[in-house]
C-alpha atoms as a PDB file:
ATOM      1  CA  MET A   1      -8.374   1.294 -10.304  1.00  0.00           C
ATOM      2  CA  LYS A   2      -9.452  -2.461  -9.659  1.00  0.00           C
ATOM      3  CA  LEU A   3      -9.177  -3.191  -6.226  1.00  0.00           C
ATOM      4  CA  ALA A   4      -9.020  -6.103  -3.921  1.00  0.00           C
ATOM      5  CA  ILE A   5      -9.167  -6.311   0.065  1.00  0.00           C
ATOM      6  CA  PHE A   6      -8.210  -9.112   1.818  1.00  0.00           C
ATOM      7  CA  ASP A   7      -8.636  -9.355   5.477  1.00  0.00           C
ATOM      8  CA  MET A   8      -6.663 -11.579   7.459  1.00  0.00           C
ATOM      9  CA  ASP A   9      -6.796 -13.843  10.698  1.00  0.00           C
ATOM     10  CA  GLY A  10      -9.109 -17.218   8.396  1.00  0.00           C
ATOM     11  CA  THR A  11      -7.975 -15.544   5.285  1.00  0.00           C
ATOM     12  CA  LEU A  12      -4.848 -14.651   5.092  1.00  0.00           C
ATOM     13  CA  TYR A  13      -3.476 -16.273   8.249  1.00  0.00           C
ATOM     14  CA  ASN A  14      -5.096 -18.996  10.117  1.00  0.00           C
ATOM     15  CA  THR A  15      -4.259 -17.062  13.468  1.00  0.00           C
ATOM     16  CA  ASN A  16      -6.345 -19.588  16.331  1.00  0.00           C
ATOM     17  CA  ASP A  17      -3.211 -20.581  17.567  1.00  0.00           C
ATOM     18  CA  VAL A  18      -2.029 -17.331  17.968  1.00  0.00           C
ATOM     19  CA  ASN A  19      -4.685 -15.129  18.890  1.00  0.00           C
ATOM     20  CA  TYR A  20      -5.442 -17.771  21.557  1.00  0.00           C
ATOM     21  CA  TYR A  21      -2.652 -18.248  23.051  1.00  0.00           C
ATOM     22  CA  ALA A  22      -1.887 -14.541  23.254  1.00  0.00           C
ATOM     23  CA  TYR A  23      -5.545 -14.118  25.052  1.00  0.00           C
ATOM     24  CA  LYS A  24      -5.350 -17.156  27.598  1.00  0.00           C
ATOM     25  CA  ASP A  25      -1.772 -15.623  29.025  1.00  0.00           C
ATOM     26  CA  ALA A  26      -3.686 -12.413  29.442  1.00  0.00           C
ATOM     27  CA  LEU A  27      -6.219 -13.717  31.022  1.00  0.00           C
ATOM     28  CA  ALA A  28      -4.163 -16.107  32.645  1.00  0.00           C
ATOM     29  CA  TYR A  29      -3.173 -12.682  34.969  1.00  0.00           C
ATOM     30  CA  TYR A  30      -7.109 -12.170  36.001  1.00  0.00           C
ATOM     31  CA  GLY A  31      -7.152 -15.697  36.441  1.00  0.00           C
ATOM     32  CA  VAL A  32      -9.789 -16.228  33.784  1.00  0.00           C
ATOM     33  CA  GLU A  33      -9.448 -19.156  31.634  1.00  0.00           C
ATOM     34  CA  ILE A  34     -11.033 -19.665  28.153  1.00  0.00           C
ATOM     35  CA  ASP A  35     -11.475 -22.719  26.570  1.00  0.00           C
ATOM     36  CA  TYR A  36      -9.885 -23.500  23.198  1.00  0.00           C
ATOM     37  CA  ASP A  37     -13.188 -24.445  20.854  1.00  0.00           C
ATOM     38  CA  TYR A  38     -14.929 -21.562  23.038  1.00  0.00           C
ATOM     39  CA  TYR A  39     -12.417 -19.557  21.541  1.00  0.00           C
ATOM     40  CA  CYS A  40     -12.644 -20.543  17.730  1.00  0.00           C
ATOM     41  CA  ASN A  41     -16.446 -20.724  18.371  1.00  0.00           C
ATOM     42  CA  PHE A  42     -17.728 -17.190  19.964  1.00  0.00           C
ATOM     43  CA  CYS A  43     -14.193 -14.730  20.277  1.00  0.00           C
ATOM     44  CA  ASN A  44     -11.928 -15.762  16.959  1.00  0.00           C
ATOM     45  CA  GLY A  45     -12.800 -12.461  14.264  1.00  0.00           C
ATOM     46  CA  ARG A  46     -14.385 -10.448  16.826  1.00  0.00           C
ATOM     47  CA  HIS A  47     -13.148  -7.380  17.863  1.00  0.00           C
ATOM     48  CA  TYR A  48     -12.108  -7.650  21.881  1.00  0.00           C
ATOM     49  CA  THR A  49     -14.327  -5.713  22.857  1.00  0.00           C
ATOM     50  CA  VAL A  50     -17.131  -8.134  21.858  1.00  0.00           C
ATOM     51  CA  PHE A  51     -16.174 -10.544  23.333  1.00  0.00           C
ATOM     52  CA  ILE A  52     -14.202  -9.986  26.419  1.00  0.00           C
ATOM     53  CA  PRO A  53     -16.558  -8.061  28.259  1.00  0.00           C
ATOM     54  CA  ASP A  54     -18.463 -11.549  28.694  1.00  0.00           C
ATOM     55  CA  LEU A  55     -15.308 -13.059  29.920  1.00  0.00           C
ATOM     56  CA  VAL A  56     -14.277 -10.091  33.145  1.00  0.00           C
ATOM     57  CA  ASN A  57     -18.206  -8.883  33.539  1.00  0.00           C
ATOM     58  CA  ASN A  58     -17.804  -5.682  31.954  1.00  0.00           C
ATOM     59  CA  ASP A  59     -15.283  -4.087  33.866  1.00  0.00           C
ATOM     60  CA  GLU A  60     -13.648  -2.143  31.689  1.00  0.00           C
ATOM     61  CA  GLU A  61     -10.393  -1.452  33.158  1.00  0.00           C
ATOM     62  CA  LYS A  62      -9.992  -5.178  32.799  1.00  0.00           C
ATOM     63  CA  ILE A  63     -10.998  -5.300  29.679  1.00  0.00           C
ATOM     64  CA  GLU A  64      -8.007  -2.331  27.938  1.00  0.00           C
ATOM     65  CA  ASN A  65      -5.749  -4.501  29.843  1.00  0.00           C
ATOM     66  CA  ILE A  66      -6.248  -7.608  28.622  1.00  0.00           C
ATOM     67  CA  HIS A  67      -6.361  -6.157  25.207  1.00  0.00           C
ATOM     68  CA  ASN A  68      -3.432  -4.541  25.502  1.00  0.00           C
ATOM     69  CA  MET A  69      -1.553  -7.560  27.535  1.00  0.00           C
ATOM     70  CA  LYS A  70      -2.342  -9.607  24.859  1.00  0.00           C
ATOM     71  CA  LYS A  71      -1.311  -7.999  22.157  1.00  0.00           C
ATOM     72  CA  GLU A  72       2.533  -8.180  24.019  1.00  0.00           C
ATOM     73  CA  ALA A  73       1.893 -11.545  24.199  1.00  0.00           C
ATOM     74  CA  TYR A  74       1.017 -12.105  20.822  1.00  0.00           C
ATOM     75  CA  PRO A  75       4.717 -12.028  19.478  1.00  0.00           C
ATOM     76  CA  LYS A  76       5.468 -14.919  21.052  1.00  0.00           C
ATOM     77  CA  HIS A  77       3.192 -17.021  19.737  1.00  0.00           C
ATOM     78  CA  LEU A  78       3.640 -16.361  15.866  1.00  0.00           C
ATOM     79  CA  ASP A  79       5.333 -19.599  15.076  1.00  0.00           C
ATOM     80  CA  LYS A  80       1.666 -20.636  15.129  1.00  0.00           C
ATOM     81  CA  ILE A  81       0.511 -19.441  12.219  1.00  0.00           C
ATOM     82  CA  ILE A  82      -0.420 -20.614   9.164  1.00  0.00           C
ATOM     83  CA  ILE A  83       0.120 -19.145   6.136  1.00  0.00           C
ATOM     84  CA  ASN A  84      -2.605 -19.676   3.275  1.00  0.00           C
ATOM     85  CA  GLU A  85       0.233 -20.017   0.383  1.00  0.00           C
ATOM     86  CA  HIS A  86      -2.523 -19.973  -2.186  1.00  0.00           C
ATOM     87  CA  LEU A  87      -4.113 -16.762  -1.518  1.00  0.00           C
ATOM     88  CA  PHE A  88      -0.917 -14.894  -1.803  1.00  0.00           C
ATOM     89  CA  ASN A  89       0.277 -16.461  -4.895  1.00  0.00           C
ATOM     90  CA  ILE A  90      -3.508 -15.260  -5.897  1.00  0.00           C
ATOM     91  CA  ILE A  91      -2.182 -11.590  -4.821  1.00  0.00           C
ATOM     92  CA  ALA A  92       0.895 -11.995  -6.758  1.00  0.00           C
ATOM     93  CA  LEU A  93      -0.540 -12.295  -9.746  1.00  0.00           C
ATOM     94  CA  MET A  94      -3.156 -10.195  -8.903  1.00  0.00           C
ATOM     95  CA  LYS A  95      -1.009  -7.222  -8.173  1.00  0.00           C
ATOM     96  CA  LYS A  96      -0.913  -6.520 -11.611  1.00  0.00           C
ATOM     97  CA  GLU A  97      -3.351  -5.344 -12.287  1.00  0.00           C
ATOM     98  CA  TYR A  98      -4.721  -4.526  -8.869  1.00  0.00           C
ATOM     99  CA  LYS A  99      -4.245  -2.535  -6.042  1.00  0.00           C
ATOM    100  CA  ILE A 100      -4.239  -4.750  -2.922  1.00  0.00           C
ATOM    101  CA  ALA A 101      -5.128  -3.723   0.663  1.00  0.00           C
ATOM    102  CA  LEU A 102      -5.925  -5.447   3.738  1.00  0.00           C
ATOM    103  CA  VAL A 103      -8.698  -4.520   6.822  1.00  0.00           C
ATOM    104  CA  THR A 104      -8.375  -6.602   9.591  1.00  0.00           C
ATOM    105  CA  THR A 105     -10.290  -5.515  13.246  1.00  0.00           C
ATOM    106  CA  ALA A 106      -6.655  -6.949  14.641  1.00  0.00           C
ATOM    107  CA  SER A 107      -3.485  -4.085  16.283  1.00  0.00           C
ATOM    108  CA  SER A 108      -1.671  -2.142  14.126  1.00  0.00           C
ATOM    109  CA  LYS A 109       0.841  -3.797  16.094  1.00  0.00           C
ATOM    110  CA  ASN A 110      -0.222  -7.087  15.831  1.00  0.00           C
ATOM    111  CA  THR A 111      -1.211  -6.872  12.255  1.00  0.00           C
ATOM    112  CA  MET A 112       2.764  -5.579  11.513  1.00  0.00           C
ATOM    113  CA  GLU A 113       4.369  -8.022  13.206  1.00  0.00           C
ATOM    114  CA  LEU A 114       2.728 -11.247  11.752  1.00  0.00           C
ATOM    115  CA  LEU A 115       3.171  -9.328   8.852  1.00  0.00           C
ATOM    116  CA  LYS A 116       7.021  -8.748   8.816  1.00  0.00           C
ATOM    117  CA  TYR A 117       7.445 -12.196  10.486  1.00  0.00           C
ATOM    118  CA  THR A 118       5.429 -14.096   7.345  1.00  0.00           C
ATOM    119  CA  GLY A 119       7.951 -11.723   5.174  1.00  0.00           C
ATOM    120  CA  LYS A 120       4.698  -9.812   3.718  1.00  0.00           C
ATOM    121  CA  ASP A 121       4.854  -6.812   4.669  1.00  0.00           C
ATOM    122  CA  LYS A 122       5.598  -4.878   1.252  1.00  0.00           C
ATOM    123  CA  LEU A 123       2.371  -6.684  -0.294  1.00  0.00           C
ATOM    124  CA  PHE A 124       0.029  -4.647   0.573  1.00  0.00           C
ATOM    125  CA  ASP A 125      -0.508  -0.967  -1.323  1.00  0.00           C
ATOM    126  CA  VAL A 126      -3.374   0.137   1.949  1.00  0.00           C
ATOM    127  CA  ILE A 127      -2.886  -1.552   5.661  1.00  0.00           C
ATOM    128  CA  LEU A 128      -5.920  -0.406   7.789  1.00  0.00           C
ATOM    129  CA  THR A 129      -6.686  -2.005  10.811  1.00  0.00           C
ATOM    130  CA  GLN A 130      -8.603  -1.631  14.343  1.00  0.00           C
ATOM    131  CA  GLU A 131      -6.940   1.540  14.809  1.00  0.00           C
ATOM    132  CA  ASP A 132      -7.981   3.099  11.886  1.00  0.00           C
ATOM    133  CA  ILE A 133     -11.533   1.832  11.765  1.00  0.00           C
ATOM    134  CA  LYS A 134     -14.290   2.961  14.104  1.00  0.00           C
ATOM    135  CA  LYS A 135     -16.665   0.438  13.460  1.00  0.00           C
ATOM    136  CA  THR A 136     -16.517  -3.273  13.112  1.00  0.00           C
ATOM    137  CA  LYS A 137     -17.350  -5.655  11.205  1.00  0.00           C
ATOM    138  CA  PRO A 138     -19.893  -5.650  10.251  1.00  0.00           C
ATOM    139  CA  ASP A 139     -20.616  -2.964   8.990  1.00  0.00           C
ATOM    140  CA  PRO A 140     -18.387  -2.164   6.272  1.00  0.00           C
ATOM    141  CA  GLU A 141     -16.721   0.980   7.347  1.00  0.00           C
ATOM    142  CA  GLY A 142     -12.623  -0.487   6.487  1.00  0.00           C
ATOM    143  CA  PHE A 143     -14.156  -2.164   3.532  1.00  0.00           C
ATOM    144  CA  LEU A 144     -15.592   1.248   2.681  1.00  0.00           C
ATOM    145  CA  LYS A 145     -12.567   3.428   3.583  1.00  0.00           C
ATOM    146  CA  ALA A 146      -9.538   1.538   1.406  1.00  0.00           C
ATOM    147  CA  MET A 147     -12.338   1.840  -1.656  1.00  0.00           C
ATOM    148  CA  GLU A 148     -12.708   5.809  -0.802  1.00  0.00           C
ATOM    149  CA  LYS A 149      -8.872   5.240  -0.814  1.00  0.00           C
ATOM    150  CA  PHE A 150      -8.415   4.125  -4.360  1.00  0.00           C
ATOM    151  CA  ASN A 151     -11.514   6.158  -5.548  1.00  0.00           C
ATOM    152  CA  ALA A 152     -12.374   1.908  -6.319  1.00  0.00           C
ATOM    153  CA  LYS A 153     -15.988   1.797  -7.477  1.00  0.00           C
ATOM    154  CA  LYS A 154     -17.918  -1.163  -6.394  1.00  0.00           C
ATOM    155  CA  GLU A 155     -17.978  -3.704  -9.367  1.00  0.00           C
ATOM    156  CA  ASP A 156     -14.002  -3.297 -10.027  1.00  0.00           C
ATOM    157  CA  THR A 157     -13.803  -4.199  -6.598  1.00  0.00           C
ATOM    158  CA  ILE A 158     -13.415  -7.763  -4.967  1.00  0.00           C
ATOM    159  CA  ILE A 159     -13.162  -9.070  -1.109  1.00  0.00           C
ATOM    160  CA  PHE A 160     -11.796 -11.871   0.550  1.00  0.00           C
ATOM    161  CA  GLU A 161     -13.448 -12.954   3.761  1.00  0.00           C
ATOM    162  CA  ASP A 162     -13.951 -15.487   5.999  1.00  0.00           C
ATOM    163  CA  SER A 163     -15.661 -15.106   9.064  1.00  0.00           C
ATOM    164  CA  PRO A 164     -20.041 -14.441   8.961  1.00  0.00           C
ATOM    165  CA  VAL A 165     -19.358 -10.870  10.619  1.00  0.00           C
ATOM    166  CA  GLY A 166     -16.860 -10.033   7.787  1.00  0.00           C
ATOM    167  CA  ILE A 167     -18.682 -11.742   4.872  1.00  0.00           C
ATOM    168  CA  GLU A 168     -21.963  -9.683   5.987  1.00  0.00           C
ATOM    169  CA  ALA A 169     -19.937  -6.556   5.956  1.00  0.00           C
ATOM    170  CA  ALA A 170     -17.922  -6.860   2.906  1.00  0.00           C
ATOM    171  CA  ARG A 171     -21.728  -7.498   0.636  1.00  0.00           C
ATOM    172  CA  LYS A 172     -22.875  -4.381   2.288  1.00  0.00           C
ATOM    173  CA  THR A 173     -20.010  -2.508  -0.457  1.00  0.00           C
ATOM    174  CA  GLY A 174     -22.183  -3.817  -3.175  1.00  0.00           C
ATOM    175  CA  ALA A 175     -18.507  -5.404  -4.150  1.00  0.00           C
ATOM    176  CA  SER A 176     -17.381  -9.232  -5.613  1.00  0.00           C
ATOM    177  CA  VAL A 177     -16.989 -11.156  -1.975  1.00  0.00           C
ATOM    178  CA  VAL A 178     -14.918 -14.187  -1.976  1.00  0.00           C
ATOM    179  CA  VAL A 179     -15.725 -16.805   0.536  1.00  0.00           C
ATOM    180  CA  ILE A 180     -12.849 -18.423   2.455  1.00  0.00           C
ATOM    181  CA  ASP A 181     -14.505 -21.422   4.048  1.00  0.00           C
ATOM    182  CA  LYS A 182     -10.359 -23.214   4.894  1.00  0.00           C
ATOM    183  CA  PHE A 183      -7.336 -23.607   4.004  1.00  0.00           C
END
């Protein structure tokens, strides 16, 4: 079984603006402002439990509330998505010989909203989100779960990633890794 695994944010889609504005809306409730460059450099592509604690003095209740408010604000910013059309064209060609998996640290809610908004929700044979994965990138758990789902060997798997933590996780699987730098 051949398997192609794709990350979502930064790989299939540039969601910097979508996520930034959704987090900006959520953080504003607590009077916290976040700079766009700071978000892009230190937050984007990371699990919310990694970067929100620093913004709210590790207040666990605020962390979860901000995360939930971000998920609610997300759909109103979907018009800011940039689609990596080249990569989706590659997926269409690969589907003849590969199972196609999406592995993301994004929530299931926001992932499905984005995929439906762009009409790409039927392309994947499996979608693994933050609710399916206990250990976030750079741990390879999500990629390994996708490989296990299809009983795919590392030599029959290719992973498409963009972020340093995602690339590190992908490399830990032993599979081939394609780095998406910019689109």
